[in-house]
Amino acid sequence: MTATPVVPRRVALRDIDEAVAYYVVEVGDEAALRFIEAVEKTFARIGRHPASGSPRDAVELNLPGLRAMPVTRHPHLVFYVDRGSHIDVWRVLHGERDIPAWIRSPDNV
């Protein structure tokens, strides 16, 4: 089975950078590295099984095709849309954030 390429948007990369910076300051370098590895594994899982993410937020936000997959052992979610030729990663957000407000951010357009 060939994996679909996973392409994060600039804002998703910024989300990851901000989370890494938080982990470095609050928990340490090793925790930050574990987070990066977990995000990479989540991207790989999404690339292999794009339909396995939850569509729950798509209904609430009226964004057909939007799915979310949790980052293993971290309180973050990867929000993405399967475009067929690639996986469009919109955001990587902490699950306690106001998800609708962050997803509707002008940065996602």
PDB file of N, CA and C in Angstrom:
ATOM      1  N   MET A   1       0.839  -1.174   0.000  1.00  0.00           N
ATOM      2  CA  MET A   1       0.000   0.000   0.000  1.00  0.00           C
ATOM      3  C   MET A   1       0.888   1.243   0.000  1.00  0.00           C
ATOM      4  N   THR A   2       0.647   2.149  -0.943  1.00  0.00           N
ATOM      5  CA  THR A   2       1.390   3.388  -1.034  1.00  0.00           C
ATOM      6  C   THR A   2       0.697   4.453  -0.204  1.00  0.00           C
ATOM      7  N   ALA A   3       1.468   5.160   0.594  1.00  0.00           N
ATOM      8  CA  ALA A   3       0.915   6.223   1.425  1.00  0.00           C
ATOM      9  C   ALA A   3       0.699   7.486   0.592  1.00  0.00           C
ATOM     10  N   THR A   4      -0.348   8.201   0.926  1.00  0.00           N
ATOM     11  CA  THR A   4      -0.629   9.494   0.307  1.00  0.00           C
ATOM     12  C   THR A   4       0.301  10.531   0.947  1.00  0.00           C
ATOM     13  N   PRO A   5       0.910  11.415   0.153  1.00  0.00           N
ATOM     14  CA  PRO A   5       1.783  12.438   0.743  1.00  0.00           C
ATOM     15  C   PRO A   5       1.007  13.336   1.714  1.00  0.00           C
ATOM     16  N   VAL A   6       1.624  13.642   2.830  1.00  0.00           N
ATOM     17  CA  VAL A   6       1.033  14.514   3.847  1.00  0.00           C
ATOM     18  C   VAL A   6       1.731  15.866   3.756  1.00  0.00           C
ATOM     19  N   VAL A   7       0.937  16.921   3.490  1.00  0.00           N
ATOM     20  CA  VAL A   7       1.500  18.252   3.267  1.00  0.00           C
ATOM     21  C   VAL A   7       0.905  19.232   4.287  1.00  0.00           C
ATOM     22  N   PRO A   8       1.684  19.574   5.309  1.00  0.00           N
ATOM     23  CA  PRO A   8       1.174  20.539   6.287  1.00  0.00           C
ATOM     24  C   PRO A   8       1.223  21.970   5.752  1.00  0.00           C
ATOM     25  N   ARG A   9       0.200  22.739   6.069  1.00  0.00           N
ATOM     26  CA  ARG A   9       0.199  24.157   5.735  1.00  0.00           C
ATOM     27  C   ARG A   9       1.185  24.888   6.634  1.00  0.00           C
ATOM     28  N   ARG A  10       1.549  26.108   6.232  1.00  0.00           N
ATOM     29  CA  ARG A  10       2.473  26.901   7.049  1.00  0.00           C
ATOM     30  C   ARG A  10       1.963  27.074   8.470  1.00  0.00           C
ATOM     31  N   VAL A  11       0.671  27.298   8.618  1.00  0.00           N
ATOM     32  CA  VAL A  11       0.108  27.501   9.951  1.00  0.00           C
ATOM     33  C   VAL A  11       0.202  26.222  10.784  1.00  0.00           C
ATOM     34  N   ALA A  12       0.090  25.064  10.163  1.00  0.00           N
ATOM     35  CA  ALA A  12       0.248  23.796  10.890  1.00  0.00           C
ATOM     36  C   ALA A  12       1.696  23.625  11.344  1.00  0.00           C
ATOM     37  N   LEU A  13       2.647  24.006  10.487  1.00  0.00           N
ATOM     38  CA  LEU A  13       4.056  23.948  10.884  1.00  0.00           C
ATOM     39  C   LEU A  13       4.333  24.910  12.039  1.00  0.00           C
ATOM     40  N   ARG A  14       3.683  26.067  11.999  1.00  0.00           N
ATOM     41  CA  ARG A  14       3.832  27.023  13.102  1.00  0.00           C
ATOM     42  C   ARG A  14       3.249  26.447  14.392  1.00  0.00           C
ATOM     43  N   ASP A  15       2.093  25.763  14.279  1.00  0.00           N
ATOM     44  CA  ASP A  15       1.505  25.108  15.452  1.00  0.00           C
ATOM     45  C   ASP A  15       2.491  24.130  16.078  1.00  0.00           C
ATOM     46  N   ILE A  16       3.148  23.341  15.224  1.00  0.00           N
ATOM     47  CA  ILE A  16       4.116  22.349  15.708  1.00  0.00           C
ATOM     48  C   ILE A  16       5.296  23.053  16.369  1.00  0.00           C
ATOM     49  N   ASP A  17       5.804  24.101  15.727  1.00  0.00           N
ATOM     50  CA  ASP A  17       6.937  24.840  16.297  1.00  0.00           C
ATOM     51  C   ASP A  17       6.593  25.418  17.668  1.00  0.00           C
ATOM     52  N   GLU A  18       5.390  25.956  17.802  1.00  0.00           N
ATOM     53  CA  GLU A  18       4.970  26.528  19.083  1.00  0.00           C
ATOM     54  C   GLU A  18       4.860  25.452  20.160  1.00  0.00           C
ATOM     55  N   ALA A  19       4.336  24.289  19.789  1.00  0.00           N
ATOM     56  CA  ALA A  19       4.231  23.191  20.754  1.00  0.00           C
ATOM     57  C   ALA A  19       5.614  22.702  21.163  1.00  0.00           C
ATOM     58  N   VAL A  20       6.527  22.589  20.204  1.00  0.00           N
ATOM     59  CA  VAL A  20       7.886  22.161  20.503  1.00  0.00           C
ATOM     60  C   VAL A  20       8.549  23.162  21.454  1.00  0.00           C
ATOM     61  N   ALA A  21       8.393  24.449  21.182  1.00  0.00           N
ATOM     62  CA  ALA A  21       8.978  25.474  22.053  1.00  0.00           C
ATOM     63  C   ALA A  21       8.420  25.357  23.471  1.00  0.00           C
ATOM     64  N   TYR A  22       7.131  25.110  23.581  1.00  0.00           N
ATOM     65  CA  TYR A  22       6.524  24.925  24.898  1.00  0.00           C
ATOM     66  C   TYR A  22       7.137  23.717  25.616  1.00  0.00           C
ATOM     67  N   TYR A  23       7.227  22.593  24.918  1.00  0.00           N
ATOM     68  CA  TYR A  23       7.795  21.391  25.533  1.00  0.00           C
ATOM     69  C   TYR A  23       9.244  21.620  25.969  1.00  0.00           C
ATOM     70  N   VAL A  24      10.040  22.308  25.154  1.00  0.00           N
ATOM     71  CA  VAL A  24      11.438  22.565  25.512  1.00  0.00           C
ATOM     72  C   VAL A  24      11.511  23.354  26.815  1.00  0.00           C
ATOM     73  N   VAL A  25      10.714  24.408  26.922  1.00  0.00           N
ATOM     74  CA  VAL A  25      10.759  25.276  28.101  1.00  0.00           C
ATOM     75  C   VAL A  25      10.165  24.601  29.331  1.00  0.00           C
ATOM     76  N   GLU A  26       9.018  23.957  29.159  1.00  0.00           N
ATOM     77  CA  GLU A  26       8.277  23.437  30.307  1.00  0.00           C
ATOM     78  C   GLU A  26       8.690  22.034  30.742  1.00  0.00           C
ATOM     79  N   VAL A  27       9.143  21.204  29.795  1.00  0.00           N
ATOM     80  CA  VAL A  27       9.409  19.803  30.122  1.00  0.00           C
ATOM     81  C   VAL A  27      10.833  19.375  29.760  1.00  0.00           C
ATOM     82  N   GLY A  28      11.384  19.925  28.700  1.00  0.00           N
ATOM     83  CA  GLY A  28      12.744  19.592  28.314  1.00  0.00           C
ATOM     84  C   GLY A  28      12.860  19.125  26.880  1.00  0.00           C
ATOM     85  N   ASP A  29      14.109  19.051  26.431  1.00  0.00           N
ATOM     86  CA  ASP A  29      14.400  18.688  25.042  1.00  0.00           C
ATOM     87  C   ASP A  29      13.886  17.299  24.664  1.00  0.00           C
ATOM     88  N   GLU A  30      14.030  16.344  25.564  1.00  0.00           N
ATOM     89  CA  GLU A  30      13.590  14.984  25.242  1.00  0.00           C
ATOM     90  C   GLU A  30      12.087  14.918  25.015  1.00  0.00           C
ATOM     91  N   ALA A  31      11.326  15.657  25.807  1.00  0.00           N
ATOM     92  CA  ALA A  31       9.877  15.681  25.618  1.00  0.00           C
ATOM     93  C   ALA A  31       9.523  16.327  24.285  1.00  0.00           C
ATOM     94  N   ALA A  32      10.257  17.362  23.918  1.00  0.00           N
ATOM     95  CA  ALA A  32      10.026  18.013  22.627  1.00  0.00           C
ATOM     96  C   ALA A  32      10.312  17.042  21.482  1.00  0.00           C
ATOM     97  N   LEU A  33      11.388  16.287  21.592  1.00  0.00           N
ATOM     98  CA  LEU A  33      11.714  15.295  20.555  1.00  0.00           C
ATOM     99  C   LEU A  33      10.656  14.204  20.476  1.00  0.00           C
ATOM    100  N   ARG A  34      10.157  13.763  21.622  1.00  0.00           N
ATOM    101  CA  ARG A  34       9.081  12.755  21.619  1.00  0.00           C
ATOM    102  C   ARG A  34       7.831  13.302  20.930  1.00  0.00           C
ATOM    103  N   PHE A  35       7.532  14.573  21.147  1.00  0.00           N
ATOM    104  CA  PHE A  35       6.383  15.183  20.476  1.00  0.00           C
ATOM    105  C   PHE A  35       6.585  15.197  18.960  1.00  0.00           C
ATOM    106  N   ILE A  36       7.766  15.609  18.514  1.00  0.00           N
ATOM    107  CA  ILE A  36       8.058  15.640  17.077  1.00  0.00           C
ATOM    108  C   ILE A  36       7.911  14.242  16.478  1.00  0.00           C
ATOM    109  N   GLU A  37       8.464  13.239  17.144  1.00  0.00           N
ATOM    110  CA  GLU A  37       8.348  11.860  16.654  1.00  0.00           C
ATOM    111  C   GLU A  37       6.886  11.421  16.598  1.00  0.00           C
ATOM    112  N   ALA A  38       6.102  11.796  17.602  1.00  0.00           N
ATOM    113  CA  ALA A  38       4.691  11.418  17.630  1.00  0.00           C
ATOM    114  C   ALA A  38       3.920  12.091  16.492  1.00  0.00           C
ATOM    115  N   VAL A  39       4.239  13.343  16.198  1.00  0.00           N
ATOM    116  CA  VAL A  39       3.587  14.037  15.082  1.00  0.00           C
ATOM    117  C   VAL A  39       3.962  13.361  13.765  1.00  0.00           C
ATOM    118  N   GLU A  40       5.240  13.022  13.596  1.00  0.00           N
ATOM    119  CA  GLU A  40       5.670  12.343  12.372  1.00  0.00           C
ATOM    120  C   GLU A  40       4.953  11.002  12.200  1.00  0.00           C
ATOM    121  N   LYS A  41       4.799  10.258  13.283  1.00  0.00           N
ATOM    122  CA  LYS A  41       4.083   8.980  13.210  1.00  0.00           C
ATOM    123  C   LYS A  41       2.615   9.193  12.884  1.00  0.00           C
ATOM    124  N   THR A  42       2.033  10.254  13.436  1.00  0.00           N
ATOM    125  CA  THR A  42       0.633  10.559  13.142  1.00  0.00           C
ATOM    126  C   THR A  42       0.467  10.915  11.668  1.00  0.00           C
ATOM    127  N   PHE A  43       1.380  11.718  11.133  1.00  0.00           N
ATOM    128  CA  PHE A  43       1.333  12.044   9.704  1.00  0.00           C
ATOM    129  C   PHE A  43       1.432  10.775   8.858  1.00  0.00           C
ATOM    130  N   ALA A  44       2.324   9.876   9.233  1.00  0.00           N
ATOM    131  CA  ALA A  44       2.472   8.623   8.489  1.00  0.00           C
ATOM    132  C   ALA A  44       1.185   7.798   8.553  1.00  0.00           C
ATOM    133  N   ARG A  45       0.583   7.729   9.736  1.00  0.00           N
ATOM    134  CA  ARG A  45      -0.672   6.974   9.896  1.00  0.00           C
ATOM    135  C   ARG A  45      -1.779   7.595   9.041  1.00  0.00           C
ATOM    136  N   ILE A  46      -1.859   8.923   9.017  1.00  0.00           N
ATOM    137  CA  ILE A  46      -2.861   9.608   8.195  1.00  0.00           C
ATOM    138  C   ILE A  46      -2.603   9.317   6.718  1.00  0.00           C
ATOM    139  N   GLY A  47      -1.341   9.337   6.309  1.00  0.00           N
ATOM    140  CA  GLY A  47      -1.009   9.058   4.909  1.00  0.00           C
ATOM    141  C   GLY A  47      -1.411   7.665   4.473  1.00  0.00           C
ATOM    142  N   ARG A  48      -1.301   6.695   5.394  1.00  0.00           N
ATOM    143  CA  ARG A  48      -1.675   5.310   5.076  1.00  0.00           C
ATOM    144  C   ARG A  48      -3.183   5.074   5.186  1.00  0.00           C
ATOM    145  N   HIS A  49      -3.823   5.767   6.121  1.00  0.00           N
ATOM    146  CA  HIS A  49      -5.248   5.533   6.390  1.00  0.00           C
ATOM    147  C   HIS A  49      -5.989   6.862   6.563  1.00  0.00           C
ATOM    148  N   PRO A  50      -6.126   7.647   5.510  1.00  0.00           N
ATOM    149  CA  PRO A  50      -6.701   8.984   5.656  1.00  0.00           C
ATOM    150  C   PRO A  50      -8.143   9.007   6.166  1.00  0.00           C
ATOM    151  N   ALA A  51      -8.892   7.969   5.905  1.00  0.00           N
ATOM    152  CA  ALA A  51     -10.299   7.957   6.331  1.00  0.00           C
ATOM    153  C   ALA A  51     -10.463   7.579   7.799  1.00  0.00           C
ATOM    154  N   SER A  52      -9.377   7.282   8.485  1.00  0.00           N
ATOM    155  CA  SER A  52      -9.504   6.817   9.868  1.00  0.00           C
ATOM    156  C   SER A  52      -9.648   7.933  10.893  1.00  0.00           C
ATOM    157  N   GLY A  53      -9.407   9.173  10.509  1.00  0.00           N
ATOM    158  CA  GLY A  53      -9.589  10.289  11.439  1.00  0.00           C
ATOM    159  C   GLY A  53     -11.064  10.565  11.680  1.00  0.00           C
ATOM    160  N   SER A  54     -11.349  11.201  12.797  1.00  0.00           N
ATOM    161  CA  SER A  54     -12.727  11.514  13.167  1.00  0.00           C
ATOM    162  C   SER A  54     -13.270  12.698  12.361  1.00  0.00           C
ATOM    163  N   PRO A  55     -14.476  12.551  11.797  1.00  0.00           N
ATOM    164  CA  PRO A  55     -15.104  13.662  11.070  1.00  0.00           C
ATOM    165  C   PRO A  55     -15.990  14.541  11.962  1.00  0.00           C
ATOM    166  N   ARG A  56     -15.951  14.323  13.277  1.00  0.00           N
ATOM    167  CA  ARG A  56     -16.858  15.018  14.195  1.00  0.00           C
ATOM    168  C   ARG A  56     -16.822  16.535  14.019  1.00  0.00           C
ATOM    169  N   ASP A  57     -15.647  17.125  13.945  1.00  0.00           N
ATOM    170  CA  ASP A  57     -15.549  18.579  13.835  1.00  0.00           C
ATOM    171  C   ASP A  57     -16.033  19.085  12.479  1.00  0.00           C
ATOM    172  N   ALA A  58     -15.983  18.258  11.453  1.00  0.00           N
ATOM    173  CA  ALA A  58     -16.470  18.662  10.132  1.00  0.00           C
ATOM    174  C   ALA A  58     -17.946  19.010  10.180  1.00  0.00           C
ATOM    175  N   VAL A  59     -18.703  18.241  10.936  1.00  0.00           N
ATOM    176  CA  VAL A  59     -20.136  18.480  11.061  1.00  0.00           C
ATOM    177  C   VAL A  59     -20.373  19.788  11.814  1.00  0.00           C
ATOM    178  N   GLU A  60     -19.715  19.944  12.961  1.00  0.00           N
ATOM    179  CA  GLU A  60     -19.889  21.144  13.785  1.00  0.00           C
ATOM    180  C   GLU A  60     -19.469  22.409  13.035  1.00  0.00           C
ATOM    181  N   LEU A  61     -18.403  22.328  12.261  1.00  0.00           N
ATOM    182  CA  LEU A  61     -17.861  23.488  11.558  1.00  0.00           C
ATOM    183  C   LEU A  61     -18.402  23.650  10.142  1.00  0.00           C
ATOM    184  N   ASN A  62     -19.199  22.686   9.686  1.00  0.00           N
ATOM    185  CA  ASN A  62     -19.718  22.690   8.317  1.00  0.00           C
ATOM    186  C   ASN A  62     -18.561  22.760   7.308  1.00  0.00           C
ATOM    187  N   LEU A  63     -17.566  21.907   7.533  1.00  0.00           N
ATOM    188  CA  LEU A  63     -16.408  21.808   6.644  1.00  0.00           C
ATOM    189  C   LEU A  63     -16.298  20.360   6.167  1.00  0.00           C
ATOM    190  N   PRO A  64     -17.034  20.008   5.121  1.00  0.00           N
ATOM    191  CA  PRO A  64     -17.017  18.629   4.635  1.00  0.00           C
ATOM    192  C   PRO A  64     -15.595  18.148   4.344  1.00  0.00           C
ATOM    193  N   GLY A  65     -15.309  16.955   4.805  1.00  0.00           N
ATOM    194  CA  GLY A  65     -14.007  16.344   4.554  1.00  0.00           C
ATOM    195  C   GLY A  65     -12.983  16.573   5.646  1.00  0.00           C
ATOM    196  N   LEU A  66     -13.243  17.517   6.543  1.00  0.00           N
ATOM    197  CA  LEU A  66     -12.289  17.763   7.628  1.00  0.00           C
ATOM    198  C   LEU A  66     -12.291  16.586   8.592  1.00  0.00           C
ATOM    199  N   ARG A  67     -11.117  16.119   8.950  1.00  0.00           N
ATOM    200  CA  ARG A  67     -10.967  15.021   9.907  1.00  0.00           C
ATOM    201  C   ARG A  67      -9.922  15.405  10.941  1.00  0.00           C
ATOM    202  N   ALA A  68      -9.965  14.709  12.071  1.00  0.00           N
ATOM    203  CA  ALA A  68      -8.982  14.943  13.132  1.00  0.00           C
ATOM    204  C   ALA A  68      -8.442  13.606  13.613  1.00  0.00           C
ATOM    205  N   MET A  69      -7.133  13.586  13.841  1.00  0.00           N
ATOM    206  CA  MET A  69      -6.481  12.393  14.370  1.00  0.00           C
ATOM    207  C   MET A  69      -5.649  12.826  15.570  1.00  0.00           C
ATOM    208  N   PRO A  70      -5.796  12.111  16.700  1.00  0.00           N
ATOM    209  CA  PRO A  70      -4.990  12.470  17.872  1.00  0.00           C
ATOM    210  C   PRO A  70      -3.518  12.107  17.681  1.00  0.00           C
ATOM    211  N   VAL A  71      -2.665  12.926  18.286  1.00  0.00           N
ATOM    212  CA  VAL A  71      -1.229  12.642  18.326  1.00  0.00           C
ATOM    213  C   VAL A  71      -1.017  11.736  19.538  1.00  0.00           C
ATOM    214  N   THR A  72      -0.503  10.547  19.314  1.00  0.00           N
ATOM    215  CA  THR A  72      -0.338   9.554  20.370  1.00  0.00           C
ATOM    216  C   THR A  72       0.438  10.114  21.558  1.00  0.00           C
ATOM    217  N   ARG A  73      -0.119   9.885  22.766  1.00  0.00           N
ATOM    218  CA  ARG A  73       0.481  10.279  24.045  1.00  0.00           C
ATOM    219  C   ARG A  73       0.653  11.774  24.217  1.00  0.00           C
ATOM    220  N   HIS A  74      -0.075  12.564  23.435  1.00  0.00           N
ATOM    221  CA  HIS A  74      -0.022  14.022  23.552  1.00  0.00           C
ATOM    222  C   HIS A  74      -1.448  14.563  23.417  1.00  0.00           C
ATOM    223  N   PRO A  75      -1.696  15.726  23.999  1.00  0.00           N
ATOM    224  CA  PRO A  75      -3.057  16.271  23.953  1.00  0.00           C
ATOM    225  C   PRO A  75      -3.345  17.068  22.683  1.00  0.00           C
ATOM    226  N   HIS A  76      -2.699  16.727  21.596  1.00  0.00           N
ATOM    227  CA  HIS A  76      -2.845  17.462  20.340  1.00  0.00           C
ATOM    228  C   HIS A  76      -3.623  16.650  19.308  1.00  0.00           C
ATOM    229  N   LEU A  77      -4.239  17.383  18.394  1.00  0.00           N
ATOM    230  CA  LEU A  77      -4.992  16.781  17.295  1.00  0.00           C
ATOM    231  C   LEU A  77      -4.470  17.343  15.980  1.00  0.00           C
ATOM    232  N   VAL A  78      -4.370  16.487  14.972  1.00  0.00           N
ATOM    233  CA  VAL A  78      -4.008  16.908  13.624  1.00  0.00           C
ATOM    234  C   VAL A  78      -5.309  17.021  12.830  1.00  0.00           C
ATOM    235  N   PHE A  79      -5.580  18.209  12.305  1.00  0.00           N
ATOM    236  CA  PHE A  79      -6.771  18.453  11.491  1.00  0.00           C
ATOM    237  C   PHE A  79      -6.359  18.475  10.032  1.00  0.00           C
ATOM    238  N   TYR A  80      -7.070  17.704   9.217  1.00  0.00           N
ATOM    239  CA  TYR A  80      -6.650  17.542   7.824  1.00  0.00           C
ATOM    240  C   TYR A  80      -7.838  17.243   6.912  1.00  0.00           C
ATOM    241  N   VAL A  81      -7.574  17.400   5.609  1.00  0.00           N
ATOM    242  CA  VAL A  81      -8.540  17.064   4.562  1.00  0.00           C
ATOM    243  C   VAL A  81      -7.807  16.213   3.527  1.00  0.00           C
ATOM    244  N   ASP A  82      -8.421  15.117   3.137  1.00  0.00           N
ATOM    245  CA  ASP A  82      -7.862  14.252   2.093  1.00  0.00           C
ATOM    246  C   ASP A  82      -8.228  14.866   0.743  1.00  0.00           C
ATOM    247  N   ARG A  83      -7.230  15.329   0.014  1.00  0.00           N
ATOM    248  CA  ARG A  83      -7.453  15.954  -1.302  1.00  0.00           C
ATOM    249  C   ARG A  83      -7.307  14.946  -2.444  1.00  0.00           C
ATOM    250  N   GLY A  84      -7.094  13.695  -2.117  1.00  0.00           N
ATOM    251  CA  GLY A  84      -6.909  12.669  -3.146  1.00  0.00           C
ATOM    252  C   GLY A  84      -5.443  12.513  -3.508  1.00  0.00           C
ATOM    253  N   SER A  85      -4.832  13.574  -4.032  1.00  0.00           N
ATOM    254  CA  SER A  85      -3.417  13.517  -4.405  1.00  0.00           C
ATOM    255  C   SER A  85      -2.497  13.739  -3.209  1.00  0.00           C
ATOM    256  N   HIS A  86      -3.045  14.340  -2.152  1.00  0.00           N
ATOM    257  CA  HIS A  86      -2.263  14.596  -0.941  1.00  0.00           C
ATOM    258  C   HIS A  86      -3.198  14.834   0.239  1.00  0.00           C
ATOM    259  N   ILE A  87      -2.618  14.769   1.434  1.00  0.00           N
ATOM    260  CA  ILE A  87      -3.345  15.085   2.657  1.00  0.00           C
ATOM    261  C   ILE A  87      -2.981  16.517   3.024  1.00  0.00           C
ATOM    262  N   ASP A  88      -3.974  17.376   3.107  1.00  0.00           N
ATOM    263  CA  ASP A  88      -3.813  18.792   3.415  1.00  0.00           C
ATOM    264  C   ASP A  88      -3.977  18.980   4.929  1.00  0.00           C
ATOM    265  N   VAL A  89      -2.868  19.143   5.644  1.00  0.00           N
ATOM    266  CA  VAL A  89      -2.918  19.314   7.101  1.00  0.00           C
ATOM    267  C   VAL A  89      -3.164  20.785   7.405  1.00  0.00           C
ATOM    268  N   TRP A  90      -4.325  21.061   7.998  1.00  0.00           N
ATOM    269  CA  TRP A  90      -4.717  22.433   8.302  1.00  0.00           C
ATOM    270  C   TRP A  90      -4.062  22.946   9.572  1.00  0.00           C
ATOM    271  N   ARG A  91      -4.197  22.189  10.659  1.00  0.00           N
ATOM    272  CA  ARG A  91      -3.700  22.643  11.962  1.00  0.00           C
ATOM    273  C   ARG A  91      -3.246  21.443  12.782  1.00  0.00           C
ATOM    274  N   VAL A  92      -2.402  21.707  13.788  1.00  0.00           N
ATOM    275  CA  VAL A  92      -2.017  20.740  14.807  1.00  0.00           C
ATOM    276  C   VAL A  92      -2.254  21.470  16.126  1.00  0.00           C
ATOM    277  N   LEU A  93      -3.399  21.192  16.749  1.00  0.00           N
ATOM    278  CA  LEU A  93      -3.854  21.992  17.890  1.00  0.00           C
ATOM    279  C   LEU A  93      -3.978  21.169  19.161  1.00  0.00           C
ATOM    280  N   HIS A  94      -3.744  21.831  20.275  1.00  0.00           N
ATOM    281  CA  HIS A  94      -3.994  21.234  21.587  1.00  0.00           C
ATOM    282  C   HIS A  94      -5.502  21.028  21.700  1.00  0.00           C
ATOM    283  N   GLY A  95      -5.911  19.896  22.182  1.00  0.00           N
ATOM    284  CA  GLY A  95      -7.329  19.551  22.267  1.00  0.00           C
ATOM    285  C   GLY A  95      -8.150  20.436  23.177  1.00  0.00           C
ATOM    286  N   GLU A  96      -7.512  21.204  24.051  1.00  0.00           N
ATOM    287  CA  GLU A  96      -8.233  22.091  24.964  1.00  0.00           C
ATOM    288  C   GLU A  96      -8.474  23.474  24.374  1.00  0.00           C
ATOM    289  N   ARG A  97      -7.990  23.732  23.195  1.00  0.00           N
ATOM    290  CA  ARG A  97      -8.209  25.034  22.554  1.00  0.00           C
ATOM    291  C   ARG A  97      -9.631  25.132  22.035  1.00  0.00           C
ATOM    292  N   ASP A  98     -10.015  26.335  21.684  1.00  0.00           N
ATOM    293  CA  ASP A  98     -11.311  26.577  21.048  1.00  0.00           C
ATOM    294  C   ASP A  98     -11.155  26.176  19.581  1.00  0.00           C
ATOM    295  N   ILE A  99     -11.375  24.899  19.321  1.00  0.00           N
ATOM    296  CA  ILE A  99     -11.108  24.337  17.993  1.00  0.00           C
ATOM    297  C   ILE A  99     -11.852  25.098  16.889  1.00  0.00           C
ATOM    298  N   PRO A 100     -13.156  25.359  17.011  1.00  0.00           N
ATOM    299  CA  PRO A 100     -13.836  26.091  15.926  1.00  0.00           C
ATOM    300  C   PRO A 100     -13.184  27.436  15.610  1.00  0.00           C
ATOM    301  N   ALA A 101     -12.792  28.186  16.629  1.00  0.00           N
ATOM    302  CA  ALA A 101     -12.168  29.490  16.378  1.00  0.00           C
ATOM    303  C   ALA A 101     -10.820  29.336  15.684  1.00  0.00           C
ATOM    304  N   TRP A 102     -10.024  28.362  16.112  1.00  0.00           N
ATOM    305  CA  TRP A 102      -8.702  28.169  15.517  1.00  0.00           C
ATOM    306  C   TRP A 102      -8.804  27.648  14.088  1.00  0.00           C
ATOM    307  N   ILE A 103      -9.750  26.773  13.826  1.00  0.00           N
ATOM    308  CA  ILE A 103      -9.906  26.222  12.471  1.00  0.00           C
ATOM    309  C   ILE A 103     -10.411  27.306  11.523  1.00  0.00           C
ATOM    310  N   ARG A 104     -11.278  28.167  11.999  1.00  0.00           N
ATOM    311  CA  ARG A 104     -11.835  29.226  11.153  1.00  0.00           C
ATOM    312  C   ARG A 104     -10.901  30.425  11.014  1.00  0.00           C
ATOM    313  N   SER A 105      -9.725  30.348  11.583  1.00  0.00           N
ATOM    314  CA  SER A 105      -8.758  31.425  11.509  1.00  0.00           C
ATOM    315  C   SER A 105      -8.474  31.781  10.040  1.00  0.00           C
ATOM    316  N   PRO A 106      -8.271  33.086   9.750  1.00  0.00           N
ATOM    317  CA  PRO A 106      -7.946  33.492   8.373  1.00  0.00           C
ATOM    318  C   PRO A 106      -6.680  32.813   7.853  1.00  0.00           C
ATOM    319  N   ASP A 107      -5.820  32.336   8.738  1.00  0.00           N
ATOM    320  CA  ASP A 107      -4.586  31.656   8.308  1.00  0.00           C
ATOM    321  C   ASP A 107      -4.885  30.383   7.530  1.00  0.00           C
ATOM    322  N   ASN A 108      -6.072  29.816   7.690  1.00  0.00           N
ATOM    323  CA  ASN A 108      -6.407  28.549   7.038  1.00  0.00           C
ATOM    324  C   ASN A 108      -6.885  28.714   5.613  1.00  0.00           C
ATOM    325  N   VAL A 109      -7.120  29.910   5.185  1.00  0.00           N
ATOM    326  CA  VAL A 109      -7.652  30.143   3.836  1.00  0.00           C
ATOM    327  C   VAL A 109      -6.588  29.970   2.799  1.00  0.00           C
TER     328      VAL A 109
END
